[in-house]
Amino acid sequence: MSKIRIRRMTEKDCLVLSEAFQAQGWNKPYSLYEEYFSEQQSRKRLVFVAEYDNEFAGYVTIQWESPYLYFKERDIPEIKDLNTLIKFRNNGIATELMNIAEESIQQNGYSIIGIGVGLYSDYGIAQRMYIKRGYNFDGRGLMYKGKEIEPGNHVLVDDSLTLSMLKKLT
């Protein structure tokens, strides 16, 4: 029997998620999860929470209307903010979260999924996973906070520096 359980986010998860990521030194404030829950209630976002042996282990969100203009103009939902707590990595949690996110997008009538991936070494595992799952670069180049970077410009290398990817669902 699998130790992984995936479920929809509830309001009480806001504090659990925030405290879990703060404990490992990540800046993921309570207000972020309040916003995610509120957006889920208004059907702008869908949030799945993963538990491993009944303990919070990670989450993923689907943003039905992407802030990234290329996806937005083409009505492509975006998988956003996939995170697994460090102590639970290498247990298949991110894979299960991606499976349910992709399945939910397809069940809602979409045939293409978008995702953005960070570019520094912390994102190496995610970069490889997305390629293995059939995601391909959208060909728009580097983005910073969802906006194209013009040649010659300087940007900060942080979580907002991304390449966007697409996957066709079968």
N, C-alpha and C. Protein backbone atom coordinates (compact mmCIF):
# COMPACT_ATOMS: atom_id res chain seq x y z
N MET A 1 0.84 -1.19 0.00
CA MET A 1 0.00 0.00 0.00
C MET A 1 0.88 1.25 0.00
N SER A 2 0.52 2.23 -0.83
CA SER A 2 1.31 3.45 -0.95
C SER A 2 1.26 4.27 0.33
N LYS A 3 2.38 4.85 0.68
CA LYS A 3 2.46 5.74 1.83
C LYS A 3 2.05 7.15 1.47
N ILE A 4 1.84 7.42 0.16
CA ILE A 4 1.51 8.76 -0.32
C ILE A 4 0.00 8.90 -0.45
N ARG A 5 -0.52 9.98 0.08
CA ARG A 5 -1.94 10.32 -0.06
C ARG A 5 -2.02 11.74 -0.61
N ILE A 6 -2.78 11.91 -1.68
CA ILE A 6 -2.96 13.24 -2.29
C ILE A 6 -4.42 13.66 -2.06
N ARG A 7 -4.61 14.90 -1.63
CA ARG A 7 -5.96 15.41 -1.39
C ARG A 7 -6.01 16.90 -1.70
N ARG A 8 -7.21 17.44 -1.77
CA ARG A 8 -7.38 18.88 -1.98
C ARG A 8 -7.00 19.63 -0.72
N MET A 9 -6.49 20.83 -0.90
CA MET A 9 -6.12 21.70 0.22
C MET A 9 -7.38 22.12 0.99
N THR A 10 -7.23 22.17 2.31
CA THR A 10 -8.28 22.71 3.18
C THR A 10 -7.74 23.97 3.86
N GLU A 11 -8.62 24.73 4.46
CA GLU A 11 -8.20 25.97 5.10
C GLU A 11 -7.20 25.73 6.23
N LYS A 12 -7.37 24.65 6.96
CA LYS A 12 -6.43 24.37 8.07
C LYS A 12 -5.03 24.04 7.58
N ASP A 13 -4.88 23.71 6.29
CA ASP A 13 -3.55 23.42 5.74
C ASP A 13 -2.67 24.66 5.66
N CYS A 14 -3.25 25.84 5.62
CA CYS A 14 -2.46 27.07 5.46
C CYS A 14 -1.34 27.15 6.49
N LEU A 15 -1.69 26.93 7.75
CA LEU A 15 -0.70 27.01 8.82
C LEU A 15 0.30 25.86 8.74
N VAL A 16 -0.17 24.66 8.47
CA VAL A 16 0.69 23.48 8.39
C VAL A 16 1.74 23.67 7.29
N LEU A 17 1.31 24.10 6.11
CA LEU A 17 2.23 24.29 5.00
C LEU A 17 3.26 25.37 5.32
N SER A 18 2.79 26.50 5.81
CA SER A 18 3.69 27.61 6.12
C SER A 18 4.73 27.20 7.15
N GLU A 19 4.29 26.58 8.23
CA GLU A 19 5.23 26.18 9.28
C GLU A 19 6.23 25.13 8.80
N ALA A 20 5.78 24.21 7.96
CA ALA A 20 6.67 23.16 7.46
C ALA A 20 7.80 23.75 6.60
N PHE A 21 7.46 24.70 5.73
CA PHE A 21 8.50 25.28 4.89
C PHE A 21 9.37 26.27 5.67
N GLN A 22 8.79 26.99 6.61
CA GLN A 22 9.58 27.89 7.45
C GLN A 22 10.61 27.06 8.25
N ALA A 23 10.21 25.87 8.71
CA ALA A 23 11.10 25.01 9.49
C ALA A 23 12.32 24.57 8.69
N GLN A 24 12.19 24.50 7.37
CA GLN A 24 13.37 24.13 6.57
C GLN A 24 14.05 25.36 5.98
N GLY A 25 13.65 26.56 6.45
CA GLY A 25 14.34 27.79 6.06
C GLY A 25 13.85 28.44 4.79
N TRP A 26 12.67 28.06 4.30
CA TRP A 26 12.13 28.66 3.09
C TRP A 26 11.12 29.73 3.45
N ASN A 27 11.14 30.82 2.70
CA ASN A 27 10.21 31.92 2.95
C ASN A 27 8.89 31.66 2.21
N LYS A 28 8.01 30.97 2.87
CA LYS A 28 6.68 30.67 2.32
C LYS A 28 5.67 31.05 3.42
N PRO A 29 5.29 32.33 3.46
CA PRO A 29 4.46 32.82 4.57
C PRO A 29 3.03 32.28 4.55
N TYR A 30 2.41 32.33 5.69
CA TYR A 30 1.03 31.92 5.87
C TYR A 30 0.12 32.61 4.85
N SER A 31 0.38 33.90 4.59
CA SER A 31 -0.47 34.68 3.67
C SER A 31 -0.47 34.08 2.25
N LEU A 32 0.62 33.46 1.83
CA LEU A 32 0.67 32.81 0.52
C LEU A 32 -0.37 31.70 0.44
N TYR A 33 -0.43 30.90 1.48
CA TYR A 33 -1.37 29.78 1.49
C TYR A 33 -2.81 30.23 1.70
N GLU A 34 -3.00 31.32 2.42
CA GLU A 34 -4.34 31.92 2.53
C GLU A 34 -4.82 32.34 1.14
N GLU A 35 -3.90 32.96 0.38
CA GLU A 35 -4.24 33.38 -0.98
C GLU A 35 -4.56 32.17 -1.86
N TYR A 36 -3.74 31.13 -1.77
CA TYR A 36 -4.00 29.91 -2.55
C TYR A 36 -5.37 29.33 -2.20
N PHE A 37 -5.69 29.27 -0.89
CA PHE A 37 -6.97 28.70 -0.49
C PHE A 37 -8.13 29.56 -0.99
N SER A 38 -7.98 30.86 -0.87
CA SER A 38 -9.02 31.78 -1.36
C SER A 38 -9.22 31.62 -2.87
N GLU A 39 -8.13 31.51 -3.61
CA GLU A 39 -8.23 31.32 -5.06
C GLU A 39 -8.84 29.97 -5.40
N GLN A 40 -8.59 28.96 -4.58
CA GLN A 40 -9.22 27.67 -4.80
C GLN A 40 -10.73 27.78 -4.57
N GLN A 41 -11.12 28.52 -3.54
CA GLN A 41 -12.54 28.70 -3.25
C GLN A 41 -13.26 29.42 -4.39
N SER A 42 -12.56 30.33 -5.07
CA SER A 42 -13.17 31.08 -6.19
C SER A 42 -12.89 30.42 -7.54
N ARG A 43 -12.33 29.20 -7.52
CA ARG A 43 -12.08 28.39 -8.71
C ARG A 43 -11.04 29.00 -9.67
N LYS A 44 -10.15 29.83 -9.15
CA LYS A 44 -9.07 30.38 -9.95
C LYS A 44 -7.84 29.47 -9.91
N ARG A 45 -7.78 28.65 -8.87
CA ARG A 45 -6.62 27.80 -8.63
C ARG A 45 -7.13 26.51 -7.99
N LEU A 46 -6.39 25.45 -8.22
CA LEU A 46 -6.66 24.17 -7.57
C LEU A 46 -5.37 23.77 -6.85
N VAL A 47 -5.48 23.37 -5.59
CA VAL A 47 -4.30 23.04 -4.79
C VAL A 47 -4.43 21.61 -4.27
N PHE A 48 -3.40 20.81 -4.56
CA PHE A 48 -3.32 19.46 -4.04
C PHE A 48 -2.20 19.38 -3.01
N VAL A 49 -2.50 18.70 -1.91
CA VAL A 49 -1.56 18.51 -0.82
C VAL A 49 -1.19 17.03 -0.76
N ALA A 50 0.09 16.76 -0.58
CA ALA A 50 0.57 15.38 -0.44
C ALA A 50 0.95 15.12 1.02
N GLU A 51 0.54 13.94 1.48
CA GLU A 51 0.96 13.46 2.79
C GLU A 51 1.74 12.17 2.59
N TYR A 52 2.75 12.01 3.42
CA TYR A 52 3.54 10.78 3.40
C TYR A 52 3.49 10.21 4.81
N ASP A 53 2.95 9.01 4.96
CA ASP A 53 2.72 8.43 6.29
C ASP A 53 1.95 9.41 7.18
N ASN A 54 0.92 10.02 6.62
CA ASN A 54 0.02 10.94 7.33
C ASN A 54 0.68 12.24 7.78
N GLU A 55 1.83 12.58 7.21
CA GLU A 55 2.50 13.84 7.53
C GLU A 55 2.61 14.68 6.26
N PHE A 56 2.36 15.99 6.39
CA PHE A 56 2.45 16.86 5.22
C PHE A 56 3.82 16.70 4.56
N ALA A 57 3.82 16.55 3.22
CA ALA A 57 5.08 16.31 2.51
C ALA A 57 5.29 17.22 1.31
N GLY A 58 4.23 17.79 0.73
CA GLY A 58 4.39 18.64 -0.43
C GLY A 58 3.06 19.09 -0.99
N TYR A 59 3.12 19.90 -2.05
CA TYR A 59 1.90 20.37 -2.69
C TYR A 59 2.20 20.83 -4.11
N VAL A 60 1.13 21.00 -4.87
CA VAL A 60 1.21 21.58 -6.21
C VAL A 60 -0.06 22.38 -6.43
N THR A 61 0.03 23.43 -7.25
CA THR A 61 -1.17 24.18 -7.60
C THR A 61 -1.33 24.24 -9.11
N ILE A 62 -2.58 24.39 -9.52
CA ILE A 62 -2.92 24.62 -10.92
C ILE A 62 -3.57 25.98 -10.99
N GLN A 63 -3.03 26.85 -11.79
CA GLN A 63 -3.63 28.16 -12.01
C GLN A 63 -4.36 28.08 -13.35
N TRP A 64 -5.69 28.17 -13.30
CA TRP A 64 -6.50 27.98 -14.51
C TRP A 64 -6.27 29.08 -15.54
N GLU A 65 -6.02 30.30 -15.08
CA GLU A 65 -5.67 31.39 -15.99
C GLU A 65 -4.28 31.87 -15.63
N SER A 66 -3.32 31.47 -16.43
CA SER A 66 -1.93 31.78 -16.16
C SER A 66 -1.67 33.28 -16.26
N PRO A 67 -0.82 33.80 -15.38
CA PRO A 67 -0.41 35.21 -15.52
C PRO A 67 0.58 35.41 -16.67
N TYR A 68 1.16 34.33 -17.15
CA TYR A 68 2.10 34.37 -18.27
C TYR A 68 1.30 34.59 -19.55
N LEU A 69 1.50 35.70 -20.20
CA LEU A 69 0.67 36.13 -21.33
C LEU A 69 0.57 35.10 -22.44
N TYR A 70 1.67 34.44 -22.78
CA TYR A 70 1.66 33.45 -23.85
C TYR A 70 0.66 32.33 -23.54
N PHE A 71 0.65 31.86 -22.29
CA PHE A 71 -0.31 30.81 -21.89
C PHE A 71 -1.71 31.40 -21.80
N LYS A 72 -1.83 32.57 -21.21
CA LYS A 72 -3.14 33.19 -21.01
C LYS A 72 -3.88 33.40 -22.33
N GLU A 73 -3.18 33.91 -23.33
CA GLU A 73 -3.80 34.17 -24.64
C GLU A 73 -4.25 32.89 -25.33
N ARG A 74 -3.67 31.77 -24.97
CA ARG A 74 -3.99 30.48 -25.60
C ARG A 74 -4.83 29.58 -24.69
N ASP A 75 -5.31 30.13 -23.58
CA ASP A 75 -6.14 29.40 -22.62
C ASP A 75 -5.45 28.11 -22.16
N ILE A 76 -4.19 28.24 -21.76
CA ILE A 76 -3.40 27.10 -21.28
C ILE A 76 -3.24 27.23 -19.77
N PRO A 77 -3.82 26.30 -19.01
CA PRO A 77 -3.62 26.34 -17.55
C PRO A 77 -2.16 26.04 -17.22
N GLU A 78 -1.73 26.55 -16.07
CA GLU A 78 -0.33 26.39 -15.69
C GLU A 78 -0.19 25.68 -14.34
N ILE A 79 0.65 24.67 -14.33
CA ILE A 79 1.03 24.04 -13.07
C ILE A 79 2.02 24.97 -12.40
N LYS A 80 1.72 25.34 -11.15
CA LYS A 80 2.53 26.33 -10.45
C LYS A 80 2.93 25.81 -9.08
N ASP A 81 4.12 26.18 -8.66
CA ASP A 81 4.56 26.01 -7.28
C ASP A 81 4.49 24.56 -6.80
N LEU A 82 5.20 23.68 -7.50
CA LEU A 82 5.36 22.29 -7.06
C LEU A 82 6.48 22.26 -6.02
N ASN A 83 6.17 21.77 -4.83
CA ASN A 83 7.16 21.73 -3.76
C ASN A 83 7.02 20.46 -2.94
N THR A 84 8.15 19.84 -2.64
CA THR A 84 8.21 18.71 -1.73
C THR A 84 9.20 19.07 -0.62
N LEU A 85 8.80 18.83 0.62
CA LEU A 85 9.74 19.07 1.72
C LEU A 85 11.00 18.24 1.50
N ILE A 86 12.13 18.82 1.82
CA ILE A 86 13.42 18.17 1.58
C ILE A 86 13.48 16.77 2.20
N LYS A 87 12.97 16.63 3.41
CA LYS A 87 13.08 15.32 4.09
C LYS A 87 12.23 14.23 3.44
N PHE A 88 11.33 14.61 2.54
CA PHE A 88 10.48 13.61 1.88
C PHE A 88 10.84 13.38 0.41
N ARG A 89 11.88 14.02 -0.05
CA ARG A 89 12.25 13.86 -1.46
C ARG A 89 12.71 12.43 -1.75
N ASN A 90 12.62 12.06 -3.02
CA ASN A 90 13.00 10.73 -3.50
C ASN A 90 12.05 9.63 -3.02
N ASN A 91 10.81 10.01 -2.78
CA ASN A 91 9.78 9.05 -2.40
C ASN A 91 8.63 9.02 -3.41
N GLY A 92 8.80 9.72 -4.54
CA GLY A 92 7.76 9.72 -5.57
C GLY A 92 6.65 10.73 -5.35
N ILE A 93 6.81 11.63 -4.39
CA ILE A 93 5.75 12.58 -4.05
C ILE A 93 5.54 13.59 -5.17
N ALA A 94 6.60 14.18 -5.70
CA ALA A 94 6.45 15.14 -6.80
C ALA A 94 5.82 14.47 -8.02
N THR A 95 6.19 13.25 -8.28
CA THR A 95 5.62 12.50 -9.41
C THR A 95 4.12 12.32 -9.22
N GLU A 96 3.71 11.93 -8.02
CA GLU A 96 2.28 11.75 -7.75
C GLU A 96 1.52 13.07 -7.84
N LEU A 97 2.13 14.14 -7.35
CA LEU A 97 1.49 15.46 -7.45
C LEU A 97 1.34 15.88 -8.91
N MET A 98 2.37 15.65 -9.71
CA MET A 98 2.28 15.97 -11.14
C MET A 98 1.22 15.11 -11.82
N ASN A 99 1.15 13.83 -11.47
CA ASN A 99 0.15 12.94 -12.07
C ASN A 99 -1.26 13.47 -11.83
N ILE A 100 -1.56 13.84 -10.59
CA ILE A 100 -2.92 14.29 -10.29
C ILE A 100 -3.19 15.66 -10.90
N ALA A 101 -2.18 16.52 -10.97
CA ALA A 101 -2.36 17.83 -11.59
C ALA A 101 -2.67 17.67 -13.09
N GLU A 102 -1.88 16.86 -13.77
CA GLU A 102 -2.11 16.64 -15.21
C GLU A 102 -3.47 15.99 -15.46
N GLU A 103 -3.82 15.03 -14.63
CA GLU A 103 -5.11 14.35 -14.77
C GLU A 103 -6.27 15.34 -14.57
N SER A 104 -6.15 16.21 -13.58
CA SER A 104 -7.19 17.20 -13.31
C SER A 104 -7.34 18.19 -14.45
N ILE A 105 -6.23 18.60 -15.03
CA ILE A 105 -6.27 19.53 -16.15
C ILE A 105 -6.97 18.88 -17.33
N GLN A 106 -6.62 17.63 -17.60
CA GLN A 106 -7.25 16.91 -18.71
C GLN A 106 -8.75 16.71 -18.45
N GLN A 107 -9.11 16.36 -17.22
CA GLN A 107 -10.52 16.16 -16.88
C GLN A 107 -11.34 17.44 -17.02
N ASN A 108 -10.68 18.58 -16.96
CA ASN A 108 -11.36 19.86 -17.12
C ASN A 108 -11.38 20.32 -18.58
N GLY A 109 -11.04 19.41 -19.50
CA GLY A 109 -11.21 19.67 -20.92
C GLY A 109 -10.04 20.33 -21.64
N TYR A 110 -8.90 20.42 -20.99
CA TYR A 110 -7.73 21.04 -21.63
C TYR A 110 -6.87 19.97 -22.28
N SER A 111 -6.22 20.33 -23.39
CA SER A 111 -5.35 19.38 -24.09
C SER A 111 -3.87 19.76 -24.01
N ILE A 112 -3.59 20.94 -23.45
CA ILE A 112 -2.20 21.40 -23.30
C ILE A 112 -2.02 21.95 -21.89
N ILE A 113 -0.87 21.68 -21.31
CA ILE A 113 -0.51 22.17 -19.97
C ILE A 113 0.75 23.02 -20.11
N GLY A 114 0.80 24.08 -19.32
CA GLY A 114 2.00 24.89 -19.24
C GLY A 114 2.65 24.77 -17.87
N ILE A 115 3.95 25.03 -17.84
CA ILE A 115 4.69 25.03 -16.58
C ILE A 115 5.93 25.90 -16.78
N GLY A 116 6.34 26.58 -15.73
CA GLY A 116 7.59 27.34 -15.76
C GLY A 116 8.58 26.67 -14.82
N VAL A 117 9.84 26.66 -15.21
CA VAL A 117 10.85 26.02 -14.36
C VAL A 117 12.00 27.00 -14.12
N GLY A 118 12.45 27.03 -12.88
CA GLY A 118 13.57 27.87 -12.51
C GLY A 118 14.86 27.39 -13.16
N LEU A 119 15.85 28.27 -13.15
CA LEU A 119 17.06 27.99 -13.93
C LEU A 119 18.33 27.73 -13.13
N TYR A 120 18.33 27.95 -11.84
CA TYR A 120 19.56 27.67 -11.11
C TYR A 120 19.53 26.24 -10.57
N SER A 121 20.62 25.81 -9.97
CA SER A 121 20.83 24.39 -9.67
C SER A 121 19.76 23.77 -8.77
N ASP A 122 19.10 24.54 -7.92
CA ASP A 122 18.04 23.98 -7.07
C ASP A 122 16.92 23.37 -7.91
N TYR A 123 16.80 23.80 -9.16
CA TYR A 123 15.72 23.32 -10.04
C TYR A 123 16.16 22.19 -10.97
N GLY A 124 17.37 21.70 -10.82
CA GLY A 124 17.88 20.67 -11.71
C GLY A 124 17.02 19.41 -11.73
N ILE A 125 16.59 18.97 -10.57
CA ILE A 125 15.75 17.76 -10.50
C ILE A 125 14.43 18.01 -11.22
N ALA A 126 13.83 19.16 -11.00
CA ALA A 126 12.56 19.49 -11.66
C ALA A 126 12.74 19.59 -13.17
N GLN A 127 13.83 20.21 -13.61
CA GLN A 127 14.08 20.33 -15.05
C GLN A 127 14.11 18.96 -15.70
N ARG A 128 14.84 18.03 -15.09
CA ARG A 128 14.93 16.68 -15.65
C ARG A 128 13.58 15.96 -15.60
N MET A 129 12.86 16.13 -14.51
CA MET A 129 11.56 15.47 -14.38
C MET A 129 10.59 15.94 -15.45
N TYR A 130 10.53 17.24 -15.70
CA TYR A 130 9.59 17.77 -16.70
C TYR A 130 9.92 17.25 -18.10
N ILE A 131 11.20 17.20 -18.44
CA ILE A 131 11.60 16.65 -19.74
C ILE A 131 11.17 15.19 -19.85
N LYS A 132 11.43 14.40 -18.82
CA LYS A 132 11.04 12.99 -18.82
C LYS A 132 9.53 12.81 -18.94
N ARG A 133 8.77 13.77 -18.43
CA ARG A 133 7.31 13.69 -18.47
C ARG A 133 6.74 14.18 -19.80
N GLY A 134 7.60 14.64 -20.71
CA GLY A 134 7.12 15.05 -22.03
C GLY A 134 6.92 16.53 -22.23
N TYR A 135 7.39 17.34 -21.30
CA TYR A 135 7.29 18.80 -21.47
C TYR A 135 8.41 19.26 -22.39
N ASN A 136 8.09 20.25 -23.23
CA ASN A 136 9.06 20.85 -24.15
C ASN A 136 9.02 22.35 -23.99
N PHE A 137 10.15 22.99 -24.22
CA PHE A 137 10.22 24.45 -24.09
C PHE A 137 9.27 25.12 -25.07
N ASP A 138 8.68 26.22 -24.65
CA ASP A 138 7.72 26.92 -25.51
C ASP A 138 8.40 27.80 -26.56
N GLY A 139 9.73 27.93 -26.49
CA GLY A 139 10.46 28.67 -27.50
C GLY A 139 10.44 30.18 -27.33
N ARG A 140 9.95 30.66 -26.20
CA ARG A 140 9.85 32.11 -25.96
C ARG A 140 11.07 32.67 -25.24
N GLY A 141 11.97 31.79 -24.79
CA GLY A 141 13.18 32.26 -24.11
C GLY A 141 12.98 32.51 -22.63
N LEU A 142 13.95 33.19 -22.05
CA LEU A 142 13.93 33.46 -20.61
C LEU A 142 12.80 34.41 -20.24
N MET A 143 12.21 34.14 -19.08
CA MET A 143 11.18 35.00 -18.51
C MET A 143 11.62 35.43 -17.13
N TYR A 144 11.24 36.64 -16.76
CA TYR A 144 11.42 37.10 -15.39
C TYR A 144 10.09 37.63 -14.90
N LYS A 145 9.56 36.99 -13.86
CA LYS A 145 8.23 37.31 -13.33
C LYS A 145 7.18 37.26 -14.44
N GLY A 146 7.33 36.26 -15.33
CA GLY A 146 6.34 36.03 -16.38
C GLY A 146 6.45 36.93 -17.60
N LYS A 147 7.48 37.76 -17.64
CA LYS A 147 7.67 38.67 -18.78
C LYS A 147 8.95 38.32 -19.52
N GLU A 148 8.89 38.43 -20.86
CA GLU A 148 10.07 38.12 -21.68
C GLU A 148 11.20 39.09 -21.37
N ILE A 149 12.42 38.55 -21.38
CA ILE A 149 13.61 39.35 -21.15
C ILE A 149 14.20 39.73 -22.50
N GLU A 150 14.35 41.00 -22.71
CA GLU A 150 14.93 41.49 -23.95
C GLU A 150 16.45 41.33 -23.91
N PRO A 151 17.08 41.02 -25.05
CA PRO A 151 18.54 40.91 -25.08
C PRO A 151 19.21 42.18 -24.55
N GLY A 152 20.26 41.96 -23.77
CA GLY A 152 21.02 43.08 -23.19
C GLY A 152 20.54 43.50 -21.82
N ASN A 153 19.37 43.04 -21.39
CA ASN A 153 18.87 43.39 -20.07
C ASN A 153 19.50 42.51 -18.99
N HIS A 154 19.53 43.03 -17.79
CA HIS A 154 20.05 42.29 -16.64
C HIS A 154 18.89 41.94 -15.72
N VAL A 155 18.93 40.73 -15.18
CA VAL A 155 17.91 40.29 -14.23
C VAL A 155 18.58 39.59 -13.06
N LEU A 156 17.85 39.50 -11.98
CA LEU A 156 18.30 38.77 -10.81
C LEU A 156 18.06 37.29 -11.02
N VAL A 157 19.05 36.47 -10.70
CA VAL A 157 18.86 35.03 -10.79
C VAL A 157 18.23 34.59 -9.47
N ASP A 158 16.91 34.39 -9.52
CA ASP A 158 16.15 33.93 -8.36
C ASP A 158 15.01 33.05 -8.85
N ASP A 159 14.04 32.78 -7.99
CA ASP A 159 12.94 31.89 -8.34
C ASP A 159 12.06 32.44 -9.46
N SER A 160 12.16 33.72 -9.76
CA SER A 160 11.33 34.33 -10.80
C SER A 160 11.93 34.24 -12.20
N LEU A 161 13.16 33.77 -12.31
CA LEU A 161 13.82 33.58 -13.60
C LEU A 161 13.50 32.17 -14.09
N THR A 162 12.75 32.09 -15.20
CA THR A 162 12.24 30.79 -15.65
C THR A 162 12.31 30.62 -17.16
N LEU A 163 12.18 29.37 -17.56
CA LEU A 163 11.85 28.99 -18.93
C LEU A 163 10.50 28.31 -18.86
N SER A 164 9.64 28.60 -19.82
CA SER A 164 8.30 28.00 -19.82
C SER A 164 8.29 26.79 -20.73
N MET A 165 7.45 25.83 -20.33
CA MET A 165 7.37 24.57 -21.04
C MET A 165 5.90 24.21 -21.27
N LEU A 166 5.68 23.37 -22.28
CA LEU A 166 4.34 22.91 -22.63
C LEU A 166 4.32 21.39 -22.77
N LYS A 167 3.15 20.82 -22.51
CA LYS A 167 2.97 19.40 -22.73
C LYS A 167 1.59 19.20 -23.34
N LYS A 168 1.55 18.43 -24.43
CA LYS A 168 0.28 18.04 -25.04
C LYS A 168 -0.20 16.78 -24.33
N LEU A 169 -1.47 16.80 -23.93
CA LEU A 169 -2.05 15.63 -23.27
C LEU A 169 -2.60 14.69 -24.32
N THR A 170 -2.52 13.39 -24.04
CA THR A 170 -3.02 12.39 -25.00
C THR A 170 -4.36 11.86 -24.55
